[in-house]
Amino acid sequence: MSLEQHLVYPDQVKDHPIDGIFDSAYFWDVDPKKVFIRKDARFVIDRIFRWSVFPGALDILDKYYSKKEIREEAMRCDSIYSNESFEILSKRYNISKEEFLHFRSF
């Protein structure tokens, strides 16, 4: 099944495994056939933030999750530490850097 066949709008995405959607390197320690887009949303979004916040991975997140879901998870995610990540997520999802859990201004 192609990526396009999965897509409607983020708030209408039906639950299905992430297998074949994200690069398996992000989910190296779990069986992607047992991780689901909706049921495991927080885990999936957090994992992408933990290992990659570059546009390709974020483009996929945008197809499956609403901006609101992604923003909320970004602000409570405890694995975002780099200035580059704060900058990318801040611009892309209109989040003040101070709203991130581990952002520190020096």
PDB file of N, CA and C in Angstrom:
ATOM      1  N   MET A   1       0.853  -1.174   0.000  1.00  0.00           N
ATOM      2  CA  MET A   1       0.000   0.000   0.000  1.00  0.00           C
ATOM      3  C   MET A   1       0.897   1.235   0.000  1.00  0.00           C
ATOM      4  N   SER A   2       0.643   2.149  -0.894  1.00  0.00           N
ATOM      5  CA  SER A   2       1.471   3.337  -0.987  1.00  0.00           C
ATOM      6  C   SER A   2       1.105   4.347   0.091  1.00  0.00           C
ATOM      7  N   LEU A   3       2.004   5.276   0.324  1.00  0.00           N
ATOM      8  CA  LEU A   3       1.781   6.322   1.313  1.00  0.00           C
ATOM      9  C   LEU A   3       0.531   7.119   0.974  1.00  0.00           C
ATOM     10  N   GLU A   4       0.322   7.426  -0.298  1.00  0.00           N
ATOM     11  CA  GLU A   4      -0.825   8.226  -0.711  1.00  0.00           C
ATOM     12  C   GLU A   4      -2.149   7.535  -0.397  1.00  0.00           C
ATOM     13  N   GLN A   5      -2.187   6.212  -0.420  1.00  0.00           N
ATOM     14  CA  GLN A   5      -3.421   5.483  -0.130  1.00  0.00           C
ATOM     15  C   GLN A   5      -3.820   5.612   1.336  1.00  0.00           C
ATOM     16  N   HIS A   6      -2.878   5.900   2.212  1.00  0.00           N
ATOM     17  CA  HIS A   6      -3.166   6.058   3.635  1.00  0.00           C
ATOM     18  C   HIS A   6      -3.771   7.417   3.953  1.00  0.00           C
ATOM     19  N   LEU A   7      -3.517   8.400   3.108  1.00  0.00           N
ATOM     20  CA  LEU A   7      -3.761   9.781   3.488  1.00  0.00           C
ATOM     21  C   LEU A   7      -5.147  10.294   3.140  1.00  0.00           C
ATOM     22  N   VAL A   8      -5.724  10.991   4.074  1.00  0.00           N
ATOM     23  CA  VAL A   8      -6.943  11.757   3.860  1.00  0.00           C
ATOM     24  C   VAL A   8      -6.627  13.117   4.464  1.00  0.00           C
ATOM     25  N   TYR A   9      -6.981  13.333   5.694  1.00  0.00           N
ATOM     26  CA  TYR A   9      -6.600  14.502   6.475  1.00  0.00           C
ATOM     27  C   TYR A   9      -6.159  13.970   7.824  1.00  0.00           C
ATOM     28  N   PRO A  10      -5.228  14.640   8.511  1.00  0.00           N
ATOM     29  CA  PRO A  10      -4.729  14.108   9.783  1.00  0.00           C
ATOM     30  C   PRO A  10      -5.815  13.701  10.775  1.00  0.00           C
ATOM     31  N   ASP A  11      -6.912  14.475  10.854  1.00  0.00           N
ATOM     32  CA  ASP A  11      -7.942  14.139  11.833  1.00  0.00           C
ATOM     33  C   ASP A  11      -8.847  13.001  11.377  1.00  0.00           C
ATOM     34  N   GLN A  12      -8.629  12.496  10.160  1.00  0.00           N
ATOM     35  CA  GLN A  12      -9.443  11.396   9.652  1.00  0.00           C
ATOM     36  C   GLN A  12      -8.631  10.123   9.415  1.00  0.00           C
ATOM     37  N   VAL A  13      -7.378  10.133   9.810  1.00  0.00           N
ATOM     38  CA  VAL A  13      -6.515   8.979   9.589  1.00  0.00           C
ATOM     39  C   VAL A  13      -7.000   7.808  10.434  1.00  0.00           C
ATOM     40  N   LYS A  14      -7.196   6.694   9.788  1.00  0.00           N
ATOM     41  CA  LYS A  14      -7.594   5.484  10.499  1.00  0.00           C
ATOM     42  C   LYS A  14      -6.351   4.845  11.103  1.00  0.00           C
ATOM     43  N   ASP A  15      -6.546   4.098  12.170  1.00  0.00           N
ATOM     44  CA  ASP A  15      -5.409   3.471  12.826  1.00  0.00           C
ATOM     45  C   ASP A  15      -4.888   2.306  12.003  1.00  0.00           C
ATOM     46  N   HIS A  16      -3.605   2.266  11.832  1.00  0.00           N
ATOM     47  CA  HIS A  16      -2.936   1.166  11.148  1.00  0.00           C
ATOM     48  C   HIS A  16      -1.473   1.180  11.564  1.00  0.00           C
ATOM     49  N   PRO A  17      -0.777   0.075  11.359  1.00  0.00           N
ATOM     50  CA  PRO A  17       0.640   0.016  11.766  1.00  0.00           C
ATOM     51  C   PRO A  17       1.494   1.021  10.997  1.00  0.00           C
ATOM     52  N   ILE A  18       2.588   1.423  11.616  1.00  0.00           N
ATOM     53  CA  ILE A  18       3.508   2.370  10.993  1.00  0.00           C
ATOM     54  C   ILE A  18       4.450   1.696  10.001  1.00  0.00           C
ATOM     55  N   ASP A  19       4.395   0.402   9.902  1.00  0.00           N
ATOM     56  CA  ASP A  19       5.259  -0.360   9.008  1.00  0.00           C
ATOM     57  C   ASP A  19       5.199   0.205   7.585  1.00  0.00           C
ATOM     58  N   GLY A  20       6.337   0.585   7.062  1.00  0.00           N
ATOM     59  CA  GLY A  20       6.407   1.111   5.704  1.00  0.00           C
ATOM     60  C   GLY A  20       6.149   2.603   5.597  1.00  0.00           C
ATOM     61  N   ILE A  21       5.835   3.264   6.690  1.00  0.00           N
ATOM     62  CA  ILE A  21       5.553   4.695   6.652  1.00  0.00           C
ATOM     63  C   ILE A  21       6.798   5.499   7.014  1.00  0.00           C
ATOM     64  N   PHE A  22       7.419   5.152   8.120  1.00  0.00           N
ATOM     65  CA  PHE A  22       8.619   5.843   8.586  1.00  0.00           C
ATOM     66  C   PHE A  22       9.836   4.968   8.344  1.00  0.00           C
ATOM     67  N   ASP A  23      10.982   5.579   8.222  1.00  0.00           N
ATOM     68  CA  ASP A  23      12.233   4.847   8.089  1.00  0.00           C
ATOM     69  C   ASP A  23      12.380   3.932   9.304  1.00  0.00           C
ATOM     70  N   SER A  24      12.687   2.674   9.060  1.00  0.00           N
ATOM     71  CA  SER A  24      12.782   1.699  10.147  1.00  0.00           C
ATOM     72  C   SER A  24      13.882   2.044  11.152  1.00  0.00           C
ATOM     73  N   ALA A  25      14.840   2.873  10.775  1.00  0.00           N
ATOM     74  CA  ALA A  25      15.910   3.266  11.697  1.00  0.00           C
ATOM     75  C   ALA A  25      15.352   4.016  12.906  1.00  0.00           C
ATOM     76  N   TYR A  26      14.244   4.731  12.747  1.00  0.00           N
ATOM     77  CA  TYR A  26      13.644   5.453  13.868  1.00  0.00           C
ATOM     78  C   TYR A  26      13.034   4.499  14.894  1.00  0.00           C
ATOM     79  N   PHE A  27      12.643   3.336  14.429  1.00  0.00           N
ATOM     80  CA  PHE A  27      11.935   2.371  15.283  1.00  0.00           C
ATOM     81  C   PHE A  27      12.688   1.045  15.327  1.00  0.00           C
ATOM     82  N   TRP A  28      13.989   1.143  15.436  1.00  0.00           N
ATOM     83  CA  TRP A  28      14.871  -0.009  15.392  1.00  0.00           C
ATOM     84  C   TRP A  28      14.603  -1.024  16.499  1.00  0.00           C
ATOM     85  N   ASP A  29      14.048  -0.597  17.612  1.00  0.00           N
ATOM     86  CA  ASP A  29      13.895  -1.480  18.769  1.00  0.00           C
ATOM     87  C   ASP A  29      12.484  -2.018  18.968  1.00  0.00           C
ATOM     88  N   VAL A  30      11.594  -1.726  18.046  1.00  0.00           N
ATOM     89  CA  VAL A  30      10.214  -2.205  18.151  1.00  0.00           C
ATOM     90  C   VAL A  30       9.792  -2.823  16.827  1.00  0.00           C
ATOM     91  N   ASP A  31       8.756  -3.630  16.867  1.00  0.00           N
ATOM     92  CA  ASP A  31       8.203  -4.211  15.654  1.00  0.00           C
ATOM     93  C   ASP A  31       7.224  -3.199  15.056  1.00  0.00           C
ATOM     94  N   PRO A  32       7.542  -2.593  13.894  1.00  0.00           N
ATOM     95  CA  PRO A  32       6.679  -1.566  13.322  1.00  0.00           C
ATOM     96  C   PRO A  32       5.283  -2.071  12.939  1.00  0.00           C
ATOM     97  N   LYS A  33       5.111  -3.368  12.910  1.00  0.00           N
ATOM     98  CA  LYS A  33       3.786  -3.926  12.630  1.00  0.00           C
ATOM     99  C   LYS A  33       2.909  -3.908  13.881  1.00  0.00           C
ATOM    100  N   LYS A  34       3.522  -3.622  15.043  1.00  0.00           N
ATOM    101  CA  LYS A  34       2.778  -3.599  16.301  1.00  0.00           C
ATOM    102  C   LYS A  34       2.667  -2.189  16.891  1.00  0.00           C
ATOM    103  N   VAL A  35       3.148  -1.192  16.154  1.00  0.00           N
ATOM    104  CA  VAL A  35       3.041   0.202  16.566  1.00  0.00           C
ATOM    105  C   VAL A  35       2.043   0.858  15.610  1.00  0.00           C
ATOM    106  N   PHE A  36       1.027   1.533  16.187  1.00  0.00           N
ATOM    107  CA  PHE A  36      -0.060   2.062  15.380  1.00  0.00           C
ATOM    108  C   PHE A  36      -0.082   3.587  15.364  1.00  0.00           C
ATOM    109  N   ILE A  37      -0.452   4.128  14.211  1.00  0.00           N
ATOM    110  CA  ILE A  37      -0.512   5.573  13.991  1.00  0.00           C
ATOM    111  C   ILE A  37      -1.322   6.286  15.072  1.00  0.00           C
ATOM    112  N   ARG A  38      -2.528   5.878  15.348  1.00  0.00           N
ATOM    113  CA  ARG A  38      -3.396   6.578  16.306  1.00  0.00           C
ATOM    114  C   ARG A  38      -3.142   6.113  17.739  1.00  0.00           C
ATOM    115  N   LYS A  39      -3.210   4.827  17.968  1.00  0.00           N
ATOM    116  CA  LYS A  39      -3.081   4.295  19.326  1.00  0.00           C
ATOM    117  C   LYS A  39      -1.752   4.686  19.973  1.00  0.00           C
ATOM    118  N   ASP A  40      -0.711   4.717  19.203  1.00  0.00           N
ATOM    119  CA  ASP A  40       0.633   4.985  19.716  1.00  0.00           C
ATOM    120  C   ASP A  40       1.162   6.353  19.260  1.00  0.00           C
ATOM    121  N   ALA A  41       0.265   7.299  19.050  1.00  0.00           N
ATOM    122  CA  ALA A  41       0.635   8.611  18.497  1.00  0.00           C
ATOM    123  C   ALA A  41       1.749   9.293  19.295  1.00  0.00           C
ATOM    124  N   ARG A  42       1.610   9.344  20.603  1.00  0.00           N
ATOM    125  CA  ARG A  42       2.632  10.028  21.419  1.00  0.00           C
ATOM    126  C   ARG A  42       3.997   9.365  21.244  1.00  0.00           C
ATOM    127  N   PHE A  43       4.028   8.058  21.242  1.00  0.00           N
ATOM    128  CA  PHE A  43       5.288   7.332  21.064  1.00  0.00           C
ATOM    129  C   PHE A  43       5.891   7.633  19.692  1.00  0.00           C
ATOM    130  N   VAL A  44       5.080   7.587  18.658  1.00  0.00           N
ATOM    131  CA  VAL A  44       5.568   7.805  17.291  1.00  0.00           C
ATOM    132  C   VAL A  44       6.118   9.226  17.141  1.00  0.00           C
ATOM    133  N   ILE A  45       5.352  10.211  17.563  1.00  0.00           N
ATOM    134  CA  ILE A  45       5.787  11.603  17.439  1.00  0.00           C
ATOM    135  C   ILE A  45       7.053  11.837  18.255  1.00  0.00           C
ATOM    136  N   ASP A  46       7.081  11.348  19.475  1.00  0.00           N
ATOM    137  CA  ASP A  46       8.262  11.505  20.320  1.00  0.00           C
ATOM    138  C   ASP A  46       9.485  10.859  19.682  1.00  0.00           C
ATOM    139  N   ARG A  47       9.312   9.701  19.111  1.00  0.00           N
ATOM    140  CA  ARG A  47      10.441   8.997  18.497  1.00  0.00           C
ATOM    141  C   ARG A  47      11.009   9.794  17.325  1.00  0.00           C
ATOM    142  N   ILE A  48      10.146  10.392  16.527  1.00  0.00           N
ATOM    143  CA  ILE A  48      10.633  11.212  15.419  1.00  0.00           C
ATOM    144  C   ILE A  48      11.377  12.431  15.959  1.00  0.00           C
ATOM    145  N   PHE A  49      10.842  13.067  16.999  1.00  0.00           N
ATOM    146  CA  PHE A  49      11.536  14.207  17.601  1.00  0.00           C
ATOM    147  C   PHE A  49      12.883  13.779  18.186  1.00  0.00           C
ATOM    148  N   ARG A  50      12.929  12.602  18.769  1.00  0.00           N
ATOM    149  CA  ARG A  50      14.151  12.125  19.405  1.00  0.00           C
ATOM    150  C   ARG A  50      15.259  11.878  18.384  1.00  0.00           C
ATOM    151  N   TRP A  51      14.921  11.315  17.232  1.00  0.00           N
ATOM    152  CA  TRP A  51      15.934  10.900  16.272  1.00  0.00           C
ATOM    153  C   TRP A  51      16.048  11.799  15.055  1.00  0.00           C
ATOM    154  N   SER A  52      15.006  12.558  14.754  1.00  0.00           N
ATOM    155  CA  SER A  52      15.110  13.431  13.583  1.00  0.00           C
ATOM    156  C   SER A  52      13.996  14.460  13.585  1.00  0.00           C
ATOM    157  N   VAL A  53      14.366  15.707  13.483  1.00  0.00           N
ATOM    158  CA  VAL A  53      13.357  16.738  13.312  1.00  0.00           C
ATOM    159  C   VAL A  53      13.572  17.431  11.960  1.00  0.00           C
ATOM    160  N   PHE A  54      14.160  16.713  11.050  1.00  0.00           N
ATOM    161  CA  PHE A  54      14.402  17.285   9.745  1.00  0.00           C
ATOM    162  C   PHE A  54      13.156  17.190   8.883  1.00  0.00           C
ATOM    163  N   PRO A  55      13.015  18.097   7.930  1.00  0.00           N
ATOM    164  CA  PRO A  55      11.779  18.211   7.157  1.00  0.00           C
ATOM    165  C   PRO A  55      11.190  16.914   6.605  1.00  0.00           C
ATOM    166  N   GLY A  56      11.978  15.986   6.129  1.00  0.00           N
ATOM    167  CA  GLY A  56      11.419  14.748   5.576  1.00  0.00           C
ATOM    168  C   GLY A  56      10.576  13.985   6.595  1.00  0.00           C
ATOM    169  N   ALA A  57      11.107  13.816   7.779  1.00  0.00           N
ATOM    170  CA  ALA A  57      10.376  13.106   8.836  1.00  0.00           C
ATOM    171  C   ALA A  57       9.182  13.929   9.312  1.00  0.00           C
ATOM    172  N   LEU A  58       9.361  15.241   9.402  1.00  0.00           N
ATOM    173  CA  LEU A  58       8.262  16.105   9.844  1.00  0.00           C
ATOM    174  C   LEU A  58       7.153  16.164   8.794  1.00  0.00           C
ATOM    175  N   ASP A  59       7.515  16.087   7.527  1.00  0.00           N
ATOM    176  CA  ASP A  59       6.502  16.057   6.467  1.00  0.00           C
ATOM    177  C   ASP A  59       5.585  14.848   6.645  1.00  0.00           C
ATOM    178  N   ILE A  60       6.166  13.721   7.011  1.00  0.00           N
ATOM    179  CA  ILE A  60       5.364  12.520   7.238  1.00  0.00           C
ATOM    180  C   ILE A  60       4.472  12.705   8.464  1.00  0.00           C
ATOM    181  N   LEU A  61       5.029  13.257   9.547  1.00  0.00           N
ATOM    182  CA  LEU A  61       4.203  13.527  10.731  1.00  0.00           C
ATOM    183  C   LEU A  61       3.011  14.403  10.364  1.00  0.00           C
ATOM    184  N   ASP A  62       3.257  15.432   9.555  1.00  0.00           N
ATOM    185  CA  ASP A  62       2.185  16.357   9.163  1.00  0.00           C
ATOM    186  C   ASP A  62       1.062  15.664   8.393  1.00  0.00           C
ATOM    187  N   LYS A  63       1.380  14.596   7.715  1.00  0.00           N
ATOM    188  CA  LYS A  63       0.360  13.874   6.945  1.00  0.00           C
ATOM    189  C   LYS A  63      -0.534  13.013   7.833  1.00  0.00           C
ATOM    190  N   TYR A  64      -0.030  12.633   8.986  1.00  0.00           N
ATOM    191  CA  TYR A  64      -0.772  11.706   9.846  1.00  0.00           C
ATOM    192  C   TYR A  64      -1.322  12.318  11.117  1.00  0.00           C
ATOM    193  N   TYR A  65      -0.775  13.471  11.519  1.00  0.00           N
ATOM    194  CA  TYR A  65      -1.190  14.093  12.778  1.00  0.00           C
ATOM    195  C   TYR A  65      -1.518  15.557  12.545  1.00  0.00           C
ATOM    196  N   SER A  66      -2.423  16.075  13.347  1.00  0.00           N
ATOM    197  CA  SER A  66      -2.771  17.492  13.238  1.00  0.00           C
ATOM    198  C   SER A  66      -1.631  18.337  13.801  1.00  0.00           C
ATOM    199  N   LYS A  67      -1.582  19.581  13.370  1.00  0.00           N
ATOM    200  CA  LYS A  67      -0.577  20.510  13.898  1.00  0.00           C
ATOM    201  C   LYS A  67      -0.728  20.622  15.419  1.00  0.00           C
ATOM    202  N   LYS A  68      -1.962  20.604  15.895  1.00  0.00           N
ATOM    203  CA  LYS A  68      -2.212  20.700  17.331  1.00  0.00           C
ATOM    204  C   LYS A  68      -1.577  19.522  18.069  1.00  0.00           C
ATOM    205  N   GLU A  69      -1.767  18.302  17.572  1.00  0.00           N
ATOM    206  CA  GLU A  69      -1.167  17.117  18.210  1.00  0.00           C
ATOM    207  C   GLU A  69       0.352  17.220  18.236  1.00  0.00           C
ATOM    208  N   ILE A  70       0.917  17.633  17.121  1.00  0.00           N
ATOM    209  CA  ILE A  70       2.376  17.723  17.019  1.00  0.00           C
ATOM    210  C   ILE A  70       2.901  18.819  17.947  1.00  0.00           C
ATOM    211  N   ARG A  71       2.246  19.961  17.962  1.00  0.00           N
ATOM    212  CA  ARG A  71       2.660  21.065  18.840  1.00  0.00           C
ATOM    213  C   ARG A  71       2.624  20.634  20.308  1.00  0.00           C
ATOM    214  N   GLU A  72       1.520  20.009  20.718  1.00  0.00           N
ATOM    215  CA  GLU A  72       1.382  19.595  22.120  1.00  0.00           C
ATOM    216  C   GLU A  72       2.471  18.611  22.515  1.00  0.00           C
ATOM    217  N   GLU A  73       2.753  17.677  21.640  1.00  0.00           N
ATOM    218  CA  GLU A  73       3.796  16.697  21.946  1.00  0.00           C
ATOM    219  C   GLU A  73       5.173  17.360  21.963  1.00  0.00           C
ATOM    220  N   ALA A  74       5.407  18.288  21.061  1.00  0.00           N
ATOM    221  CA  ALA A  74       6.704  18.986  21.031  1.00  0.00           C
ATOM    222  C   ALA A  74       6.945  19.742  22.336  1.00  0.00           C
ATOM    223  N   MET A  75       5.914  20.362  22.860  1.00  0.00           N
ATOM    224  CA  MET A  75       6.082  21.161  24.078  1.00  0.00           C
ATOM    225  C   MET A  75       6.280  20.300  25.325  1.00  0.00           C
ATOM    226  N   ARG A  76       5.829  19.040  25.314  1.00  0.00           N
ATOM    227  CA  ARG A  76       6.005  18.196  26.496  1.00  0.00           C
ATOM    228  C   ARG A  76       7.086  17.128  26.317  1.00  0.00           C
ATOM    229  N   CYS A  77       7.660  17.075  25.142  1.00  0.00           N
ATOM    230  CA  CYS A  77       8.664  16.054  24.835  1.00  0.00           C
ATOM    231  C   CYS A  77       9.945  16.309  25.632  1.00  0.00           C
ATOM    232  N   ASP A  78      10.403  15.295  26.337  1.00  0.00           N
ATOM    233  CA  ASP A  78      11.605  15.474  27.158  1.00  0.00           C
ATOM    234  C   ASP A  78      12.884  15.032  26.453  1.00  0.00           C
ATOM    235  N   SER A  79      12.792  14.750  25.152  1.00  0.00           N
ATOM    236  CA  SER A  79      13.997  14.321  24.438  1.00  0.00           C
ATOM    237  C   SER A  79      14.463  15.338  23.397  1.00  0.00           C
ATOM    238  N   ILE A  80      13.923  16.543  23.438  1.00  0.00           N
ATOM    239  CA  ILE A  80      14.373  17.594  22.530  1.00  0.00           C
ATOM    240  C   ILE A  80      15.323  18.504  23.313  1.00  0.00           C
ATOM    241  N   TYR A  81      16.574  18.560  22.860  1.00  0.00           N
ATOM    242  CA  TYR A  81      17.584  19.349  23.564  1.00  0.00           C
ATOM    243  C   TYR A  81      18.365  20.313  22.671  1.00  0.00           C
ATOM    244  N   SER A  82      18.480  20.022  21.413  1.00  0.00           N
ATOM    245  CA  SER A  82      19.385  20.814  20.572  1.00  0.00           C
ATOM    246  C   SER A  82      18.756  22.126  20.115  1.00  0.00           C
ATOM    247  N   ASN A  83      19.618  23.120  19.976  1.00  0.00           N
ATOM    248  CA  ASN A  83      19.160  24.417  19.480  1.00  0.00           C
ATOM    249  C   ASN A  83      18.592  24.282  18.077  1.00  0.00           C
ATOM    250  N   GLU A  84      19.190  23.423  17.270  1.00  0.00           N
ATOM    251  CA  GLU A  84      18.702  23.198  15.908  1.00  0.00           C
ATOM    252  C   GLU A  84      17.266  22.655  15.937  1.00  0.00           C
ATOM    253  N   SER A  85      17.004  21.706  16.815  1.00  0.00           N
ATOM    254  CA  SER A  85      15.660  21.142  16.941  1.00  0.00           C
ATOM    255  C   SER A  85      14.660  22.197  17.405  1.00  0.00           C
ATOM    256  N   PHE A  86      15.043  22.977  18.403  1.00  0.00           N
ATOM    257  CA  PHE A  86      14.160  24.042  18.886  1.00  0.00           C
ATOM    258  C   PHE A  86      13.839  25.020  17.759  1.00  0.00           C
ATOM    259  N   GLU A  87      14.850  25.368  16.996  1.00  0.00           N
ATOM    260  CA  GLU A  87      14.678  26.333  15.904  1.00  0.00           C
ATOM    261  C   GLU A  87      13.725  25.782  14.828  1.00  0.00           C
ATOM    262  N   ILE A  88      13.962  24.557  14.405  1.00  0.00           N
ATOM    263  CA  ILE A  88      13.136  23.945  13.362  1.00  0.00           C
ATOM    264  C   ILE A  88      11.690  23.817  13.817  1.00  0.00           C
ATOM    265  N   LEU A  89      11.491  23.259  15.000  1.00  0.00           N
ATOM    266  CA  LEU A  89      10.131  23.037  15.503  1.00  0.00           C
ATOM    267  C   LEU A  89       9.422  24.350  15.812  1.00  0.00           C
ATOM    268  N   SER A  90      10.156  25.304  16.326  1.00  0.00           N
ATOM    269  CA  SER A  90       9.587  26.602  16.652  1.00  0.00           C
ATOM    270  C   SER A  90       9.022  27.276  15.404  1.00  0.00           C
ATOM    271  N   LYS A  91       9.791  27.291  14.351  1.00  0.00           N
ATOM    272  CA  LYS A  91       9.350  27.924  13.100  1.00  0.00           C
ATOM    273  C   LYS A  91       8.232  27.139  12.427  1.00  0.00           C
ATOM    274  N   ARG A  92       8.400  25.850  12.364  1.00  0.00           N
ATOM    275  CA  ARG A  92       7.444  25.018  11.619  1.00  0.00           C
ATOM    276  C   ARG A  92       6.073  24.959  12.278  1.00  0.00           C
ATOM    277  N   TYR A  93       6.044  24.906  13.621  1.00  0.00           N
ATOM    278  CA  TYR A  93       4.773  24.718  14.326  1.00  0.00           C
ATOM    279  C   TYR A  93       4.364  25.930  15.162  1.00  0.00           C
ATOM    280  N   ASN A  94       5.045  27.061  14.927  1.00  0.00           N
ATOM    281  CA  ASN A  94       4.692  28.308  15.597  1.00  0.00           C
ATOM    282  C   ASN A  94       4.660  28.132  17.122  1.00  0.00           C
ATOM    283  N   ILE A  95       5.783  27.672  17.641  1.00  0.00           N
ATOM    284  CA  ILE A  95       5.934  27.454  19.085  1.00  0.00           C
ATOM    285  C   ILE A  95       7.040  28.375  19.576  1.00  0.00           C
ATOM    286  N   SER A  96       6.768  29.110  20.609  1.00  0.00           N
ATOM    287  CA  SER A  96       7.804  29.918  21.230  1.00  0.00           C
ATOM    288  C   SER A  96       8.843  28.973  21.839  1.00  0.00           C
ATOM    289  N   LYS A  97      10.092  29.255  21.671  1.00  0.00           N
ATOM    290  CA  LYS A  97      11.138  28.375  22.211  1.00  0.00           C
ATOM    291  C   LYS A  97      11.001  28.175  23.719  1.00  0.00           C
ATOM    292  N   GLU A  98      10.532  29.192  24.402  1.00  0.00           N
ATOM    293  CA  GLU A  98      10.364  29.096  25.851  1.00  0.00           C
ATOM    294  C   GLU A  98       9.304  28.072  26.257  1.00  0.00           C
ATOM    295  N   GLU A  99       8.461  27.661  25.317  1.00  0.00           N
ATOM    296  CA  GLU A  99       7.418  26.675  25.619  1.00  0.00           C
ATOM    297  C   GLU A  99       7.948  25.234  25.621  1.00  0.00           C
ATOM    298  N   PHE A 100       9.150  25.031  25.093  1.00  0.00           N
ATOM    299  CA  PHE A 100       9.732  23.688  25.091  1.00  0.00           C
ATOM    300  C   PHE A 100      10.209  23.334  26.492  1.00  0.00           C
ATOM    301  N   LEU A 101      10.062  22.097  26.844  1.00  0.00           N
ATOM    302  CA  LEU A 101      10.399  21.619  28.177  1.00  0.00           C
ATOM    303  C   LEU A 101      11.855  21.891  28.561  1.00  0.00           C
ATOM    304  N   HIS A 102      12.788  21.657  27.648  1.00  0.00           N
ATOM    305  CA  HIS A 102      14.203  21.776  27.987  1.00  0.00           C
ATOM    306  C   HIS A 102      14.917  22.959  27.348  1.00  0.00           C
ATOM    307  N   PHE A 103      14.169  23.901  26.816  1.00  0.00           N
ATOM    308  CA  PHE A 103      14.822  25.070  26.213  1.00  0.00           C
ATOM    309  C   PHE A 103      15.423  25.937  27.313  1.00  0.00           C
ATOM    310  N   ARG A 104      16.674  26.325  27.090  1.00  0.00           N
ATOM    311  CA  ARG A 104      17.345  27.228  28.022  1.00  0.00           C
ATOM    312  C   ARG A 104      17.975  28.348  27.211  1.00  0.00           C
ATOM    313  N   SER A 105      17.683  29.559  27.583  1.00  0.00           N
ATOM    314  CA  SER A 105      18.251  30.714  26.925  1.00  0.00           C
ATOM    315  C   SER A 105      19.484  31.156  27.712  1.00  0.00           C
ATOM    316  N   PHE A 106      20.598  31.290  27.006  1.00  0.00           N
ATOM    317  CA  PHE A 106      21.829  31.707  27.673  1.00  0.00           C
ATOM    318  C   PHE A 106      22.292  33.046  27.153  1.00  0.00           C
TER     319      PHE A 106
END
